[in-house]
Amino acid sequence: MEFRRLQAFIAVAEERSFTRAAERLNLVQSGVSASIRALEKDLGTPLFARTTQRVELTAAGAALVPQARRVLGALRTARQAVDEARAGLSGTLELGILYGLTPGDILRTLATFRRAHPGVELRLRGPGSRGSSSHVEDLRKGDLDLAVLMTAGRPLDGLRLHSLVTESVVLACASDHPLADRSSVELADVMGYDVIDFPVGWGMRSAVDCAFSRAGLPPRKAMFEIDDIPTALDLVRHGLGLAFVPERIASDVADMRFLTVGQYRPTYDVCLAEPEDRPLNPTARAFLAEALGAARRGESTSATLEAASAGQARGAA
């Protein structure tokens, strides 16, 4: 099977259109059609069911999709390995990040990695409409090399997760809200109040949903679904509801209350994820090693500072 034929096949399979596939590949439509016909002849079976209205995968075509993606990924990795052996790290790193919640160690690693490897093109992609779930899908398809994800502590099929940090979720409320005079709440206390939620698929939403489930509470109805923390806080500020947000932002916002959650406190893990079904290209492998090394050094520094602080406290006592 030729590389270009597989490229054309994947483009048509994802676009469900020969016209859009040709535009995506910067080819004429007749060239894409010829590649698909040649591939079908090689395999001895139709890969697409074509009508005047739509293009759909046959059973054989659907079976070929994951294998074709693996082959194309392996070919890209092989080409990049040869280029990098000749001239050092080069090529492209496709990295999924989280808006406002990407750990500082990852951002610092990006900066040092770019300085050390100027031949590498860094492409950063924010989450789509479904948050971390968008990154998960793109990792499985091969559209991302690595991605920063928020998870609720559950494994994800086909991905290897490297935990970077575990963070808690707090409840944001306006200073004049009926709950504002408390320092903490139980999840049951939230029932009956309007809640501003992240959409389904976002790591924050998954963490809170899991906490409600552990507490034996029914699913809450969201007043609004917002995928942007500053906007959610603005809605809270104007008395339009409560919002579950990362604890780390509480110290930066002075005009509202942030309440800790008691027994079933929501938490989420921030992870760096890689695919399990294909090897990383050399550039992604090098970045992953540097990022995990920086995270370990950060944990070591934090542990040292905590031990020193504990020692000072014992001495003062």
Protein backbone atom coordinates (compact mmCIF):
# COMPACT_ATOMS: atom_id res chain seq x y z
CA MET A 1 0.00 0.00 0.00
CA GLU A 2 1.33 3.41 -0.92
CA PHE A 3 1.60 6.21 1.63
CA ARG A 4 -0.47 8.63 -0.49
CA ARG A 5 -3.25 6.11 -0.97
CA LEU A 6 -3.56 5.61 2.77
CA GLN A 7 -3.50 9.38 3.27
CA ALA A 8 -6.34 9.77 0.80
CA PHE A 9 -8.28 6.94 2.45
CA ILE A 10 -8.05 8.48 5.93
CA ALA A 11 -9.00 11.92 4.61
CA VAL A 12 -12.13 10.58 2.89
CA ALA A 13 -13.00 8.43 5.93
CA GLU A 14 -12.83 11.44 8.25
CA GLU A 15 -14.41 14.00 5.93
CA ARG A 16 -17.07 11.64 4.49
CA SER A 17 -16.57 13.55 1.25
CA PHE A 18 -14.18 13.21 -1.69
CA THR A 19 -14.42 16.96 -2.32
CA ARG A 20 -13.48 17.96 1.25
CA ALA A 21 -10.77 15.30 1.35
CA ALA A 22 -9.22 16.73 -1.82
CA GLU A 23 -9.31 20.25 -0.36
CA ARG A 24 -7.69 19.01 2.86
CA LEU A 25 -4.87 17.28 0.91
CA ASN A 26 -4.48 20.11 -1.65
CA LEU A 27 -5.21 17.66 -4.48
CA VAL A 28 -7.73 17.54 -7.30
CA GLN A 29 -10.75 15.35 -6.56
CA SER A 30 -9.97 13.00 -9.45
CA GLY A 31 -6.58 12.24 -7.86
CA VAL A 32 -8.20 11.30 -4.55
CA SER A 33 -10.77 9.13 -6.33
CA ALA A 34 -8.00 7.39 -8.29
CA SER A 35 -6.06 6.67 -5.08
CA ILE A 36 -9.13 5.14 -3.43
CA ARG A 37 -9.91 2.98 -6.49
CA ALA A 38 -6.31 1.75 -6.59
CA LEU A 39 -6.38 0.93 -2.85
CA GLU A 40 -9.69 -0.94 -3.23
CA LYS A 41 -8.20 -2.89 -6.14
CA ASP A 42 -5.13 -3.78 -4.03
CA LEU A 43 -7.33 -5.04 -1.20
CA GLY A 44 -9.95 -6.65 -3.40
CA THR A 45 -12.92 -5.04 -1.68
CA PRO A 46 -14.86 -1.75 -1.63
CA LEU A 47 -13.91 0.58 1.21
CA PHE A 48 -16.68 3.15 0.73
CA ALA A 49 -20.36 3.00 -0.16
CA ARG A 50 -20.91 5.96 -2.48
CA THR A 51 -24.19 7.66 -3.31
CA THR A 52 -24.96 11.04 -4.82
CA GLN A 53 -25.74 12.33 -1.32
CA ARG A 54 -23.11 10.83 0.96
CA VAL A 55 -20.02 8.67 1.38
CA GLU A 56 -19.98 5.99 4.07
CA LEU A 57 -17.39 3.41 5.12
CA THR A 58 -18.10 -0.23 4.37
CA ALA A 59 -17.35 -2.83 7.05
CA ALA A 60 -13.97 -3.43 5.41
CA GLY A 61 -13.28 0.31 5.32
CA ALA A 62 -14.13 0.74 9.00
CA ALA A 63 -11.77 -2.14 9.85
CA LEU A 64 -8.97 -0.51 7.86
CA VAL A 65 -9.19 2.94 9.53
CA PRO A 66 -7.28 2.20 12.80
CA GLN A 67 -4.69 0.11 10.97
CA ALA A 68 -4.14 2.82 8.36
CA ARG A 69 -3.65 5.42 11.08
CA ARG A 70 -1.04 3.20 12.74
CA VAL A 71 0.81 2.70 9.45
CA LEU A 72 0.82 6.42 8.65
CA GLY A 73 1.99 7.23 12.18
CA ALA A 74 4.81 4.69 11.92
CA LEU A 75 5.91 6.11 8.56
CA ARG A 76 5.95 9.67 9.95
CA THR A 77 7.96 8.47 12.94
CA ALA A 78 10.45 6.66 10.71
CA ARG A 79 10.95 9.71 8.51
CA GLN A 80 11.41 11.97 11.51
CA ALA A 81 13.89 9.55 13.12
CA VAL A 82 16.03 9.63 9.97
CA ASP A 83 15.88 13.43 9.79
CA GLU A 84 16.79 13.80 13.45
CA ALA A 85 19.67 11.33 13.22
CA ARG A 86 21.06 13.48 10.43
CA ALA A 87 20.50 16.92 11.90
CA GLY A 88 19.36 16.63 15.53
CA LEU A 89 15.79 16.98 16.80
CA SER A 90 13.48 18.45 14.18
CA GLY A 91 10.01 17.96 12.84
CA THR A 92 6.84 18.86 14.72
CA LEU A 93 5.53 18.35 18.22
CA GLU A 94 1.71 18.38 18.38
CA LEU A 95 0.81 19.07 22.02
CA GLY A 96 -2.65 19.46 23.50
CA ILE A 97 -2.83 21.95 26.38
CA LEU A 98 -5.50 23.24 28.77
CA TYR A 99 -6.42 26.93 28.79
CA GLY A 100 -5.32 28.43 32.11
CA LEU A 101 -4.80 25.03 33.78
CA THR A 102 -1.64 23.70 32.12
CA PRO A 103 0.91 23.12 34.94
CA GLY A 104 3.80 25.55 35.14
CA ASP A 105 6.30 22.68 34.80
CA ILE A 106 4.93 21.92 31.33
CA LEU A 107 5.10 25.55 30.25
CA ARG A 108 8.66 25.91 31.55
CA THR A 109 9.64 22.70 29.76
CA LEU A 110 8.17 24.08 26.54
CA ALA A 111 10.34 27.18 26.89
CA THR A 112 13.57 25.28 27.58
CA PHE A 113 12.77 22.68 24.90
CA ARG A 114 12.28 25.37 22.29
CA ARG A 115 15.57 27.04 23.16
CA ALA A 116 17.42 23.69 23.08
CA HIS A 117 15.83 22.46 19.84
CA PRO A 118 15.19 25.41 17.50
CA GLY A 119 14.60 23.03 14.60
CA VAL A 120 11.42 21.66 16.20
CA GLU A 121 8.11 23.27 15.32
CA LEU A 122 5.85 23.41 18.38
CA ARG A 123 2.13 23.28 17.69
CA LEU A 124 -0.10 23.85 20.70
CA ARG A 125 -3.79 22.97 20.54
CA GLY A 126 -6.36 23.99 23.11
CA PRO A 127 -9.27 21.74 24.05
CA GLY A 128 -12.25 21.57 21.73
CA SER A 129 -15.89 21.87 22.66
CA ARG A 130 -15.68 18.70 24.77
CA GLY A 131 -12.63 19.71 26.80
CA SER A 132 -10.20 16.91 27.69
CA SER A 133 -12.40 14.46 25.77
CA SER A 134 -11.43 16.30 22.57
CA HIS A 135 -7.75 15.75 23.34
CA VAL A 136 -8.40 12.07 24.13
CA GLU A 137 -10.03 11.56 20.73
CA ASP A 138 -7.22 13.39 18.91
CA LEU A 139 -4.57 11.30 20.69
CA ARG A 140 -6.32 8.09 19.67
CA LYS A 141 -6.62 9.29 16.06
CA GLY A 142 -2.96 10.33 15.91
CA ASP A 143 -3.69 14.04 15.48
CA LEU A 144 -1.78 14.82 18.71
CA ASP A 145 1.53 13.42 19.94
CA LEU A 146 0.95 14.25 23.63
CA ALA A 147 -1.74 16.08 25.58
CA VAL A 148 -2.31 17.60 29.00
CA LEU A 149 -5.58 16.17 30.35
CA MET A 150 -7.78 16.62 33.39
CA THR A 151 -9.12 13.25 34.56
CA ALA A 152 -11.17 12.05 37.50
CA GLY A 153 -8.64 9.37 38.37
CA ARG A 154 -9.93 6.77 35.91
CA PRO A 155 -7.83 4.98 33.25
CA LEU A 156 -8.50 5.86 29.62
CA ASP A 157 -8.46 3.09 27.03
CA GLY A 158 -5.55 3.29 24.63
CA LEU A 159 -3.68 5.98 26.57
CA ARG A 160 -0.83 5.95 29.07
CA LEU A 161 -1.28 8.64 31.71
CA HIS A 162 1.58 10.32 33.59
CA SER A 163 0.18 12.13 36.62
CA LEU A 164 1.59 15.62 37.13
CA VAL A 165 -0.51 16.97 40.00
CA THR A 166 -3.74 16.24 41.89
CA GLU A 167 -5.88 19.28 42.64
CA SER A 168 -9.03 19.96 44.64
CA VAL A 169 -12.23 21.65 43.53
CA VAL A 170 -13.96 24.35 45.63
CA LEU A 171 -17.38 25.98 45.41
CA ALA A 172 -17.46 29.64 44.33
CA CYS A 173 -20.35 31.82 45.49
CA ALA A 174 -21.15 35.54 45.55
CA SER A 175 -20.39 37.37 48.78
CA ASP A 176 -24.12 37.88 49.45
CA HIS A 177 -25.19 34.30 48.68
CA PRO A 178 -26.96 32.36 51.49
CA LEU A 179 -23.97 29.99 51.72
CA ALA A 180 -21.36 32.78 51.83
CA ASP A 181 -21.07 32.83 55.63
CA ARG A 182 -19.76 29.26 55.67
CA SER A 183 -16.19 28.07 55.25
CA SER A 184 -17.20 24.65 53.93
CA VAL A 185 -20.22 22.81 52.57
CA GLU A 186 -21.36 19.28 51.84
CA LEU A 187 -22.50 18.45 48.35
CA ALA A 188 -26.04 17.91 49.61
CA ASP A 189 -26.07 21.59 50.67
CA VAL A 190 -25.73 22.60 47.02
CA MET A 191 -28.92 20.82 45.92
CA GLY A 192 -31.68 23.34 45.31
CA TYR A 193 -29.33 26.15 44.26
CA ASP A 194 -28.58 27.15 40.68
CA VAL A 195 -25.22 25.74 39.52
CA ILE A 196 -22.95 26.90 36.70
CA ASP A 197 -21.21 23.82 35.27
CA PHE A 198 -18.56 22.94 32.75
CA PRO A 199 -19.97 20.99 29.78
CA VAL A 200 -19.96 17.18 29.81
CA GLY A 201 -16.54 15.88 28.73
CA TRP A 202 -14.51 18.49 30.61
CA GLY A 203 -12.29 17.13 33.40
CA MET A 204 -13.70 19.54 35.98
CA ARG A 205 -17.25 18.38 35.22
CA SER A 206 -16.20 14.72 35.45
CA ALA A 207 -14.58 15.28 38.85
CA VAL A 208 -17.71 16.93 40.26
CA ASP A 209 -20.04 14.35 38.70
CA CYS A 210 -17.98 11.55 40.30
CA ALA A 211 -18.15 13.28 43.70
CA PHE A 212 -21.95 13.62 43.49
CA SER A 213 -22.19 9.95 42.51
CA ARG A 214 -20.02 8.87 45.47
CA ALA A 215 -22.23 10.93 47.76
CA GLY A 216 -25.31 9.09 46.46
CA LEU A 217 -26.87 12.29 45.16
CA PRO A 218 -28.93 12.61 41.96
CA PRO A 219 -27.44 14.46 38.98
CA ARG A 220 -27.75 18.22 39.40
CA LYS A 221 -29.30 20.40 36.74
CA ALA A 222 -26.98 23.09 35.45
CA MET A 223 -28.34 26.62 35.15
CA PHE A 224 -25.63 27.37 32.57
CA GLU A 225 -22.85 25.32 30.97
CA ILE A 226 -19.70 27.41 30.45
CA ASP A 227 -16.26 26.18 29.32
CA ASP A 228 -14.40 29.28 30.51
CA ILE A 229 -13.52 29.85 34.18
CA PRO A 230 -13.40 33.71 34.09
CA THR A 231 -16.86 33.79 32.49
CA ALA A 232 -18.21 31.31 35.05
CA LEU A 233 -16.84 33.51 37.86
CA ASP A 234 -18.47 36.58 36.32
CA LEU A 235 -21.82 34.77 36.38
CA VAL A 236 -21.24 33.83 40.03
CA ARG A 237 -20.25 37.41 40.82
CA HIS A 238 -23.58 38.64 39.48
CA GLY A 239 -25.57 36.17 41.54
CA LEU A 240 -26.53 33.84 38.71
CA GLY A 241 -25.43 30.68 40.47
CA LEU A 242 -22.70 28.69 42.21
CA ALA A 243 -19.72 27.21 40.37
CA PHE A 244 -17.24 24.43 41.08
CA VAL A 245 -13.76 25.71 40.18
CA PRO A 246 -10.11 24.74 40.80
CA GLU A 247 -8.93 25.57 44.32
CA ARG A 248 -5.76 27.13 42.93
CA ILE A 249 -7.61 30.17 41.56
CA ALA A 250 -9.20 31.13 44.91
CA SER A 251 -6.21 33.16 46.06
CA ASP A 252 -6.42 35.37 42.94
CA VAL A 253 -10.07 36.40 43.38
CA ALA A 254 -10.94 38.65 46.32
CA ASP A 255 -14.55 39.66 45.73
CA MET A 256 -16.30 36.32 46.23
CA ARG A 257 -16.29 33.36 48.59
CA PHE A 258 -14.70 29.97 47.94
CA LEU A 259 -15.97 27.13 50.12
CA THR A 260 -14.22 23.82 50.57
CA VAL A 261 -16.28 20.66 50.14
CA GLY A 262 -16.41 18.28 53.09
CA GLN A 263 -16.72 14.51 52.92
CA TYR A 264 -16.90 13.99 49.15
CA ARG A 265 -14.51 16.68 47.97
CA PRO A 266 -14.11 16.62 44.16
CA THR A 267 -10.53 16.22 42.96
CA TYR A 268 -8.98 15.80 39.54
CA ASP A 269 -5.62 14.71 38.20
CA VAL A 270 -3.71 16.75 35.64
CA CYS A 271 -1.84 14.24 33.46
CA LEU A 272 0.42 14.19 30.45
CA ALA A 273 -1.00 11.52 28.15
CA GLU A 274 0.58 9.52 25.34
CA PRO A 275 -0.94 6.86 23.04
CA GLU A 276 -0.30 3.21 23.88
CA ASP A 277 -0.87 1.77 20.41
CA ARG A 278 2.00 3.45 18.60
CA PRO A 279 5.53 4.59 19.45
CA LEU A 280 6.20 8.26 20.04
CA ASN A 281 8.31 10.02 17.45
CA PRO A 282 11.76 11.04 18.74
CA THR A 283 10.74 14.67 19.30
CA ALA A 284 7.68 13.77 21.38
CA ARG A 285 9.68 11.15 23.28
CA ALA A 286 12.36 13.72 24.15
CA PHE A 287 9.78 16.29 25.29
CA LEU A 288 7.96 13.71 27.41
CA ALA A 289 11.20 12.74 29.16
CA GLU A 290 12.06 16.38 29.88
CA ALA A 291 8.54 17.21 31.10
CA LEU A 292 8.37 14.23 33.47
CA GLY A 293 11.87 15.00 34.74
CA ALA A 294 10.82 18.58 35.50
CA ALA A 295 7.70 17.33 37.30
CA ARG A 296 9.77 14.96 39.44
CA ARG A 297 12.20 17.73 40.30
CA GLY A 298 9.26 19.94 41.26
CA GLU A 299 7.86 17.23 43.55
CA SER A 300 11.28 16.75 45.12
CA THR A 301 11.63 20.48 45.78
CA SER A 302 8.15 20.65 47.32
CA ALA A 303 8.89 17.68 49.58
CA THR A 304 12.15 19.29 50.72
CA LEU A 305 10.41 22.59 51.50
CA GLU A 306 7.64 20.79 53.41
CA ALA A 307 10.17 18.84 55.45
CA ALA A 308 12.12 22.00 56.25
CA SER A 309 8.92 23.79 57.24
CA ALA A 310 7.90 20.89 59.48
CA GLY A 311 11.32 20.91 61.10
CA GLN A 312 11.07 24.63 61.83
CA ALA A 313 7.62 24.13 63.33
CA ARG A 314 8.88 21.37 65.63
CA GLY A 315 11.79 23.59 66.67
CA ALA A 316 9.43 26.46 67.42
CA ALA A 317 7.19 24.14 69.43
